[in-house]
């Protein structure tokens, strides 16, 4: 079923992003995310003590039939980034986003789960940043994969 494939891909992306925080070479990354999980940012994330925080959320899924039982699919995923909102918020946000992009580009098949995944958009949430006093942005990633099924 397509939904289970979508969940597998999102879970694999979470695993890849957790590698930023667990990498033993501190010179390889600009930041160390305190938390990486599935879902959107929630109120608890805004008041949480440890930041930066990353939240992986499925935004959309499209499918183009190729032949019986085969579809070319595109999965759009948002990686929501939350950092402290001090005077260095923009710098911290850009560094964390850079780490997300680097992690994805270095594993563009998500360990074989997709044909390709690429960052396509970076959206700083300026209005939300002013309202809550934190650095908030979303990195949009597009993943391409072939879905094969046997159901009619």
N, C-alpha and C. Protein backbone atom coordinates (compact mmCIF):
# COMPACT_ATOMS: atom_id res chain seq x y z
N UNK A 1 0.84 -1.17 0.00
CA UNK A 1 0.00 0.00 0.00
C UNK A 1 0.88 1.24 0.00
N UNK A 2 0.46 2.26 -0.72
CA UNK A 2 1.26 3.47 -0.87
C UNK A 2 1.51 4.16 0.47
N UNK A 3 0.52 4.16 1.36
CA UNK A 3 0.69 4.84 2.65
C UNK A 3 1.83 4.23 3.45
N UNK A 4 1.98 2.92 3.42
CA UNK A 4 3.07 2.31 4.18
C UNK A 4 4.41 2.67 3.56
N UNK A 5 4.46 2.79 2.24
CA UNK A 5 5.70 3.20 1.56
C UNK A 5 6.05 4.63 1.93
N UNK A 6 5.07 5.50 1.98
CA UNK A 6 5.28 6.89 2.37
C UNK A 6 5.82 6.95 3.81
N UNK A 7 5.24 6.17 4.71
CA UNK A 7 5.71 6.13 6.10
C UNK A 7 7.15 5.61 6.20
N UNK A 8 7.48 4.59 5.40
CA UNK A 8 8.85 4.06 5.40
C UNK A 8 9.85 5.14 5.01
N UNK A 9 9.50 5.92 3.99
CA UNK A 9 10.39 6.97 3.50
C UNK A 9 10.54 8.07 4.56
N UNK A 10 9.44 8.50 5.15
CA UNK A 10 9.50 9.55 6.18
C UNK A 10 10.31 9.07 7.39
N UNK A 11 10.12 7.82 7.79
CA UNK A 11 10.89 7.28 8.92
C UNK A 11 12.38 7.20 8.59
N UNK A 12 12.70 6.84 7.36
CA UNK A 12 14.11 6.77 6.95
C UNK A 12 14.73 8.16 6.97
N UNK A 13 13.98 9.17 6.55
CA UNK A 13 14.49 10.54 6.59
C UNK A 13 14.77 10.98 8.03
N UNK A 14 13.88 10.62 8.94
CA UNK A 14 14.12 10.92 10.36
C UNK A 14 15.43 10.28 10.81
N UNK A 15 15.65 9.03 10.42
CA UNK A 15 16.89 8.34 10.79
C UNK A 15 18.13 9.03 10.24
N UNK A 16 18.06 9.47 8.99
CA UNK A 16 19.19 10.17 8.38
C UNK A 16 19.46 11.48 9.12
N UNK A 17 18.41 12.21 9.47
CA UNK A 17 18.59 13.49 10.17
C UNK A 17 19.09 13.29 11.60
N UNK A 18 18.71 12.19 12.22
CA UNK A 18 19.24 11.90 13.56
C UNK A 18 20.75 11.70 13.51
N UNK A 19 21.27 11.32 12.36
CA UNK A 19 22.70 11.14 12.19
C UNK A 19 23.48 12.43 12.39
N UNK A 20 22.84 13.57 12.20
CA UNK A 20 23.52 14.86 12.43
C UNK A 20 23.92 14.95 13.89
N UNK A 21 23.00 14.63 14.78
CA UNK A 21 23.25 14.75 16.22
C UNK A 21 24.16 13.65 16.74
N UNK A 22 24.18 12.49 16.09
CA UNK A 22 24.92 11.35 16.60
C UNK A 22 26.27 11.15 15.92
N UNK A 23 26.64 12.06 15.02
CA UNK A 23 27.91 11.92 14.33
C UNK A 23 29.05 12.19 15.30
N UNK A 24 30.08 11.38 15.24
CA UNK A 24 31.19 11.52 16.17
C UNK A 24 32.18 12.62 15.77
N UNK A 25 32.07 13.14 14.55
CA UNK A 25 32.98 14.18 14.10
C UNK A 25 32.30 15.55 14.19
N UNK A 26 32.59 16.32 15.24
CA UNK A 26 31.92 17.60 15.43
C UNK A 26 32.30 18.63 14.36
N UNK A 27 33.39 18.38 13.63
CA UNK A 27 33.79 19.31 12.57
C UNK A 27 32.98 19.11 11.30
N UNK A 28 32.19 18.06 11.23
CA UNK A 28 31.41 17.76 10.03
C UNK A 28 30.09 18.54 10.00
N UNK A 29 29.55 18.91 11.15
CA UNK A 29 28.24 19.55 11.23
C UNK A 29 28.32 20.89 11.94
N UNK A 30 27.44 21.78 11.61
CA UNK A 30 27.39 23.11 12.23
C UNK A 30 26.55 23.12 13.50
N UNK A 31 25.61 22.18 13.61
CA UNK A 31 24.69 22.15 14.75
C UNK A 31 24.55 20.74 15.29
N UNK A 32 23.89 20.62 16.42
CA UNK A 32 23.57 19.33 17.00
C UNK A 32 22.11 19.35 17.43
N UNK A 33 21.20 18.86 16.57
CA UNK A 33 19.78 18.86 16.96
C UNK A 33 19.52 18.08 18.23
N UNK A 34 18.74 18.67 19.13
CA UNK A 34 18.41 18.02 20.40
C UNK A 34 17.33 16.97 20.20
N UNK A 35 16.51 17.14 19.15
CA UNK A 35 15.40 16.23 18.94
C UNK A 35 15.05 16.21 17.46
N UNK A 36 14.82 15.01 16.91
CA UNK A 36 14.35 14.83 15.54
C UNK A 36 13.20 13.84 15.61
N UNK A 37 12.05 14.22 15.04
CA UNK A 37 10.89 13.32 15.12
C UNK A 37 9.96 13.55 13.94
N UNK A 38 8.93 12.70 13.82
CA UNK A 38 7.89 12.84 12.80
C UNK A 38 6.84 13.81 13.29
N UNK A 39 6.15 14.46 12.36
CA UNK A 39 5.04 15.34 12.68
C UNK A 39 5.40 16.80 12.52
N UNK A 40 4.42 17.66 12.76
CA UNK A 40 4.66 19.10 12.66
C UNK A 40 5.14 19.63 14.00
N UNK A 41 5.57 20.88 14.00
CA UNK A 41 5.95 21.52 15.27
C UNK A 41 4.68 21.77 16.07
N UNK A 42 4.74 21.47 17.34
CA UNK A 42 3.59 21.67 18.22
C UNK A 42 3.98 22.62 19.35
N UNK A 43 2.99 23.05 20.12
CA UNK A 43 3.24 24.01 21.19
C UNK A 43 4.36 23.53 22.12
N UNK A 44 4.41 22.25 22.43
CA UNK A 44 5.45 21.73 23.30
C UNK A 44 6.84 21.97 22.75
N UNK A 45 6.98 21.95 21.39
CA UNK A 45 8.28 22.23 20.79
C UNK A 45 8.70 23.67 21.04
N UNK A 46 7.73 24.57 21.05
CA UNK A 46 8.04 25.99 21.21
C UNK A 46 8.51 26.31 22.62
N UNK A 47 8.06 25.54 23.58
CA UNK A 47 8.43 25.81 24.97
C UNK A 47 9.50 24.84 25.49
N UNK A 48 9.90 23.89 24.65
CA UNK A 48 10.89 22.90 25.07
C UNK A 48 12.22 23.56 25.40
N UNK A 49 12.91 22.98 26.32
CA UNK A 49 14.17 23.55 26.76
C UNK A 49 15.26 23.40 25.70
N UNK A 50 15.37 22.21 25.11
CA UNK A 50 16.47 21.95 24.19
C UNK A 50 16.11 22.25 22.75
N UNK A 51 16.96 23.02 22.11
CA UNK A 51 16.86 23.31 20.70
C UNK A 51 18.28 23.28 20.13
N UNK A 52 18.46 23.04 18.86
CA UNK A 52 17.46 23.01 17.80
C UNK A 52 16.65 21.71 17.79
N UNK A 53 15.46 21.82 17.21
CA UNK A 53 14.55 20.68 17.06
C UNK A 53 14.17 20.57 15.59
N UNK A 54 14.03 19.34 15.12
CA UNK A 54 13.61 19.08 13.75
C UNK A 54 12.35 18.22 13.78
N UNK A 55 11.40 18.55 12.92
CA UNK A 55 10.18 17.75 12.80
C UNK A 55 9.94 17.45 11.32
N UNK A 56 9.81 16.18 10.97
CA UNK A 56 9.61 15.74 9.58
C UNK A 56 8.12 15.51 9.36
N UNK A 57 7.55 16.20 8.38
CA UNK A 57 6.11 16.09 8.11
C UNK A 57 5.88 15.84 6.62
N UNK A 58 5.07 14.83 6.30
CA UNK A 58 4.67 14.58 4.92
C UNK A 58 3.72 15.70 4.50
N UNK A 59 4.04 16.35 3.37
CA UNK A 59 3.21 17.46 2.88
C UNK A 59 2.27 17.01 1.76
N UNK A 60 2.78 16.20 0.82
CA UNK A 60 1.92 15.72 -0.27
C UNK A 60 2.57 14.52 -0.95
N UNK A 61 1.74 13.79 -1.68
CA UNK A 61 2.19 12.64 -2.43
C UNK A 61 1.43 12.63 -3.74
N UNK A 62 2.15 12.51 -4.86
CA UNK A 62 1.50 12.42 -6.17
C UNK A 62 2.00 11.18 -6.88
N UNK A 63 1.15 10.66 -7.78
CA UNK A 63 1.47 9.42 -8.46
C UNK A 63 1.06 9.52 -9.93
N UNK A 64 1.96 9.08 -10.81
CA UNK A 64 1.67 9.03 -12.24
C UNK A 64 1.78 7.57 -12.68
N UNK A 65 0.66 6.97 -13.16
CA UNK A 65 0.72 5.58 -13.59
C UNK A 65 1.68 5.40 -14.78
N UNK A 66 2.51 4.38 -14.70
CA UNK A 66 3.42 4.06 -15.80
C UNK A 66 2.89 2.88 -16.60
N UNK A 67 2.56 1.81 -15.89
CA UNK A 67 2.02 0.61 -16.50
C UNK A 67 1.26 -0.12 -15.40
N UNK A 68 0.69 -1.26 -15.74
CA UNK A 68 -0.07 -2.00 -14.73
C UNK A 68 0.78 -2.26 -13.50
N UNK A 69 0.34 -1.72 -12.38
CA UNK A 69 1.04 -1.97 -11.12
C UNK A 69 2.27 -1.14 -10.85
N UNK A 70 2.60 -0.17 -11.72
CA UNK A 70 3.80 0.67 -11.51
C UNK A 70 3.41 2.14 -11.62
N UNK A 71 3.94 2.92 -10.68
CA UNK A 71 3.67 4.36 -10.65
C UNK A 71 4.96 5.11 -10.37
N UNK A 72 5.14 6.23 -11.07
CA UNK A 72 6.18 7.18 -10.70
C UNK A 72 5.59 8.07 -9.63
N UNK A 73 6.25 8.20 -8.50
CA UNK A 73 5.69 8.96 -7.38
C UNK A 73 6.62 10.07 -6.93
N UNK A 74 6.01 11.13 -6.44
CA UNK A 74 6.76 12.22 -5.83
C UNK A 74 6.18 12.46 -4.45
N UNK A 75 7.04 12.42 -3.46
CA UNK A 75 6.66 12.67 -2.09
C UNK A 75 7.29 13.99 -1.67
N UNK A 76 6.46 14.92 -1.24
CA UNK A 76 6.96 16.22 -0.75
C UNK A 76 6.93 16.18 0.77
N UNK A 77 8.09 16.46 1.37
CA UNK A 77 8.25 16.40 2.81
C UNK A 77 8.78 17.74 3.30
N UNK A 78 8.25 18.19 4.43
CA UNK A 78 8.75 19.40 5.07
C UNK A 78 9.55 19.02 6.30
N UNK A 79 10.73 19.61 6.42
CA UNK A 79 11.51 19.46 7.64
C UNK A 79 11.43 20.80 8.36
N UNK A 80 10.67 20.83 9.45
CA UNK A 80 10.50 22.05 10.22
C UNK A 80 11.67 22.18 11.17
N UNK A 81 12.26 23.36 11.21
CA UNK A 81 13.45 23.63 12.01
C UNK A 81 13.11 24.69 13.04
N UNK A 82 13.49 24.45 14.28
CA UNK A 82 13.22 25.38 15.38
C UNK A 82 14.53 25.60 16.14
N UNK A 83 14.93 26.87 16.26
CA UNK A 83 16.14 27.22 17.00
C UNK A 83 15.83 28.33 17.99
N UNK A 84 16.77 28.58 18.90
CA UNK A 84 16.60 29.67 19.85
C UNK A 84 16.45 31.00 19.11
N UNK A 85 15.68 31.90 19.70
CA UNK A 85 15.35 33.16 19.05
C UNK A 85 16.12 34.36 19.54
N UNK A 86 17.37 34.17 19.90
CA UNK A 86 18.15 35.32 20.35
C UNK A 86 18.62 36.12 19.12
N UNK A 87 19.58 37.02 19.34
CA UNK A 87 20.03 37.85 18.23
C UNK A 87 20.74 37.06 17.14
N UNK A 88 21.16 35.84 17.43
CA UNK A 88 21.81 34.99 16.43
C UNK A 88 20.84 34.00 15.80
N UNK A 89 19.53 34.22 15.96
CA UNK A 89 18.53 33.25 15.47
C UNK A 89 18.68 32.97 13.99
N UNK A 90 18.87 33.99 13.18
CA UNK A 90 18.97 33.77 11.74
C UNK A 90 20.21 32.94 11.40
N UNK A 91 21.32 33.24 12.04
CA UNK A 91 22.55 32.47 11.81
C UNK A 91 22.34 31.02 12.25
N UNK A 92 21.78 30.82 13.44
CA UNK A 92 21.52 29.46 13.94
C UNK A 92 20.58 28.70 13.02
N UNK A 93 19.55 29.38 12.55
CA UNK A 93 18.57 28.76 11.66
C UNK A 93 19.25 28.35 10.35
N UNK A 94 20.02 29.24 9.77
CA UNK A 94 20.70 28.93 8.50
C UNK A 94 21.70 27.79 8.67
N UNK A 95 22.39 27.73 9.81
CA UNK A 95 23.33 26.64 10.04
C UNK A 95 22.61 25.30 10.17
N UNK A 96 21.50 25.30 10.90
CA UNK A 96 20.74 24.06 11.07
C UNK A 96 20.16 23.59 9.74
N UNK A 97 19.63 24.53 8.97
CA UNK A 97 19.09 24.19 7.66
C UNK A 97 20.20 23.66 6.75
N UNK A 98 21.38 24.26 6.83
CA UNK A 98 22.52 23.78 6.04
C UNK A 98 22.85 22.33 6.38
N UNK A 99 22.79 21.99 7.66
CA UNK A 99 23.05 20.62 8.07
C UNK A 99 21.99 19.66 7.53
N UNK A 100 20.72 20.08 7.55
CA UNK A 100 19.64 19.25 6.99
C UNK A 100 19.90 18.99 5.52
N UNK A 101 20.20 20.05 4.78
CA UNK A 101 20.44 19.91 3.34
C UNK A 101 21.65 19.02 3.08
N UNK A 102 22.72 19.20 3.84
CA UNK A 102 23.93 18.39 3.67
C UNK A 102 23.63 16.91 3.93
N UNK A 103 22.90 16.62 5.00
CA UNK A 103 22.57 15.23 5.34
C UNK A 103 21.76 14.57 4.23
N UNK A 104 20.84 15.31 3.66
CA UNK A 104 19.99 14.76 2.60
C UNK A 104 20.78 14.56 1.31
N UNK A 105 21.58 15.55 0.93
CA UNK A 105 22.33 15.46 -0.32
C UNK A 105 23.38 14.35 -0.25
N UNK A 106 23.94 14.12 0.94
CA UNK A 106 24.94 13.06 1.08
C UNK A 106 24.32 11.66 1.07
N UNK A 107 23.00 11.56 1.21
CA UNK A 107 22.31 10.26 1.18
C UNK A 107 21.06 10.42 0.33
N UNK A 108 21.26 10.76 -0.95
CA UNK A 108 20.14 11.13 -1.80
C UNK A 108 19.21 9.99 -2.19
N UNK A 109 19.55 8.76 -1.80
CA UNK A 109 18.61 7.65 -2.03
C UNK A 109 17.95 7.21 -0.73
N UNK A 110 18.25 7.90 0.37
CA UNK A 110 17.74 7.52 1.70
C UNK A 110 17.91 6.02 1.92
N UNK A 111 19.15 5.58 1.73
CA UNK A 111 19.49 4.16 1.93
C UNK A 111 18.63 3.23 1.08
N UNK A 112 18.37 3.64 -0.17
CA UNK A 112 17.64 2.81 -1.11
C UNK A 112 16.13 2.93 -1.06
N UNK A 113 15.59 3.79 -0.20
CA UNK A 113 14.13 3.94 -0.08
C UNK A 113 13.54 4.76 -1.23
N UNK A 114 14.35 5.65 -1.83
CA UNK A 114 13.86 6.50 -2.93
C UNK A 114 14.87 6.49 -4.06
N UNK A 115 14.43 6.92 -5.24
CA UNK A 115 15.33 7.07 -6.37
C UNK A 115 16.21 8.29 -6.16
N UNK A 116 15.60 9.35 -5.61
CA UNK A 116 16.31 10.61 -5.42
C UNK A 116 15.53 11.48 -4.45
N UNK A 117 16.22 12.25 -3.62
CA UNK A 117 15.57 13.24 -2.78
C UNK A 117 16.43 14.50 -2.82
N UNK A 118 15.79 15.63 -3.05
CA UNK A 118 16.50 16.90 -3.18
C UNK A 118 15.75 18.01 -2.46
N UNK A 119 16.50 18.95 -1.86
CA UNK A 119 15.85 20.13 -1.29
C UNK A 119 15.37 21.03 -2.42
N UNK A 120 14.14 21.52 -2.31
CA UNK A 120 13.59 22.38 -3.37
C UNK A 120 13.17 23.75 -2.88
N UNK A 121 13.05 23.92 -1.57
CA UNK A 121 12.57 25.21 -1.06
C UNK A 121 12.99 25.38 0.39
N UNK A 122 13.26 26.64 0.76
CA UNK A 122 13.59 27.00 2.14
C UNK A 122 12.68 28.17 2.50
N UNK A 123 11.86 27.97 3.53
CA UNK A 123 10.84 28.97 3.87
C UNK A 123 11.01 29.41 5.33
N UNK A 124 11.70 30.54 5.58
CA UNK A 124 11.76 31.06 6.95
C UNK A 124 10.37 31.57 7.35
N UNK A 125 9.96 31.30 8.55
CA UNK A 125 8.64 31.72 9.04
C UNK A 125 8.79 33.05 9.79
N UNK A 126 8.99 34.13 9.06
CA UNK A 126 9.28 35.44 9.66
C UNK A 126 8.20 35.90 10.62
N UNK A 127 6.95 35.76 10.22
CA UNK A 127 5.85 36.20 11.08
C UNK A 127 5.80 35.41 12.38
N UNK A 128 5.98 34.10 12.28
CA UNK A 128 5.97 33.26 13.47
C UNK A 128 7.18 33.58 14.36
N UNK A 129 8.31 33.87 13.74
CA UNK A 129 9.50 34.20 14.52
C UNK A 129 9.26 35.45 15.37
N UNK A 130 8.62 36.45 14.77
CA UNK A 130 8.32 37.68 15.52
C UNK A 130 7.32 37.41 16.64
N UNK A 131 6.35 36.55 16.38
CA UNK A 131 5.29 36.29 17.34
C UNK A 131 5.77 35.49 18.55
N UNK A 132 6.60 34.46 18.32
CA UNK A 132 7.00 33.59 19.43
C UNK A 132 8.45 33.79 19.87
N UNK A 133 9.21 34.59 19.13
CA UNK A 133 10.58 34.87 19.53
C UNK A 133 11.55 33.73 19.34
N UNK A 134 11.28 32.84 18.40
CA UNK A 134 12.16 31.71 18.09
C UNK A 134 12.46 31.72 16.59
N UNK A 135 13.56 31.08 16.20
CA UNK A 135 13.86 30.92 14.78
C UNK A 135 13.14 29.70 14.25
N UNK A 136 12.28 29.91 13.25
CA UNK A 136 11.46 28.82 12.70
C UNK A 136 11.55 28.87 11.17
N UNK A 137 11.76 27.71 10.56
CA UNK A 137 11.79 27.62 9.09
C UNK A 137 11.39 26.22 8.67
N UNK A 138 11.09 26.09 7.38
CA UNK A 138 10.78 24.79 6.81
C UNK A 138 11.63 24.58 5.57
N UNK A 139 12.27 23.41 5.49
CA UNK A 139 12.99 22.99 4.30
C UNK A 139 12.08 22.00 3.59
N UNK A 140 11.75 22.27 2.34
CA UNK A 140 10.89 21.37 1.57
C UNK A 140 11.78 20.47 0.71
N UNK A 141 11.53 19.17 0.82
CA UNK A 141 12.29 18.17 0.07
C UNK A 141 11.34 17.41 -0.85
N UNK A 142 11.78 17.14 -2.07
CA UNK A 142 11.01 16.32 -3.00
C UNK A 142 11.73 15.00 -3.22
N UNK A 143 11.04 13.91 -2.92
CA UNK A 143 11.60 12.57 -3.10
C UNK A 143 10.88 11.87 -4.24
N UNK A 144 11.63 11.26 -5.13
CA UNK A 144 11.07 10.51 -6.25
C UNK A 144 11.27 9.02 -5.98
N UNK A 145 10.22 8.24 -6.27
CA UNK A 145 10.35 6.78 -6.12
C UNK A 145 9.34 6.10 -7.03
N UNK A 146 9.58 4.84 -7.30
CA UNK A 146 8.65 4.02 -8.10
C UNK A 146 7.90 3.14 -7.11
N UNK A 147 6.58 3.18 -7.23
CA UNK A 147 5.72 2.35 -6.39
C UNK A 147 5.20 1.21 -7.25
N UNK A 148 5.49 0.00 -6.84
CA UNK A 148 5.00 -1.18 -7.54
C UNK A 148 4.01 -1.89 -6.66
N UNK A 149 2.87 -2.22 -7.21
CA UNK A 149 1.84 -2.91 -6.43
C UNK A 149 1.14 -3.95 -7.28
N UNK A 150 0.48 -4.86 -6.62
CA UNK A 150 -0.21 -5.92 -7.34
C UNK A 150 -1.72 -5.83 -7.18
N UNK A 151 -2.18 -4.87 -6.38
CA UNK A 151 -3.62 -4.72 -6.19
C UNK A 151 -4.25 -4.18 -7.46
N UNK A 152 -5.50 -4.56 -7.74
CA UNK A 152 -6.17 -4.07 -8.97
C UNK A 152 -6.46 -2.58 -8.89
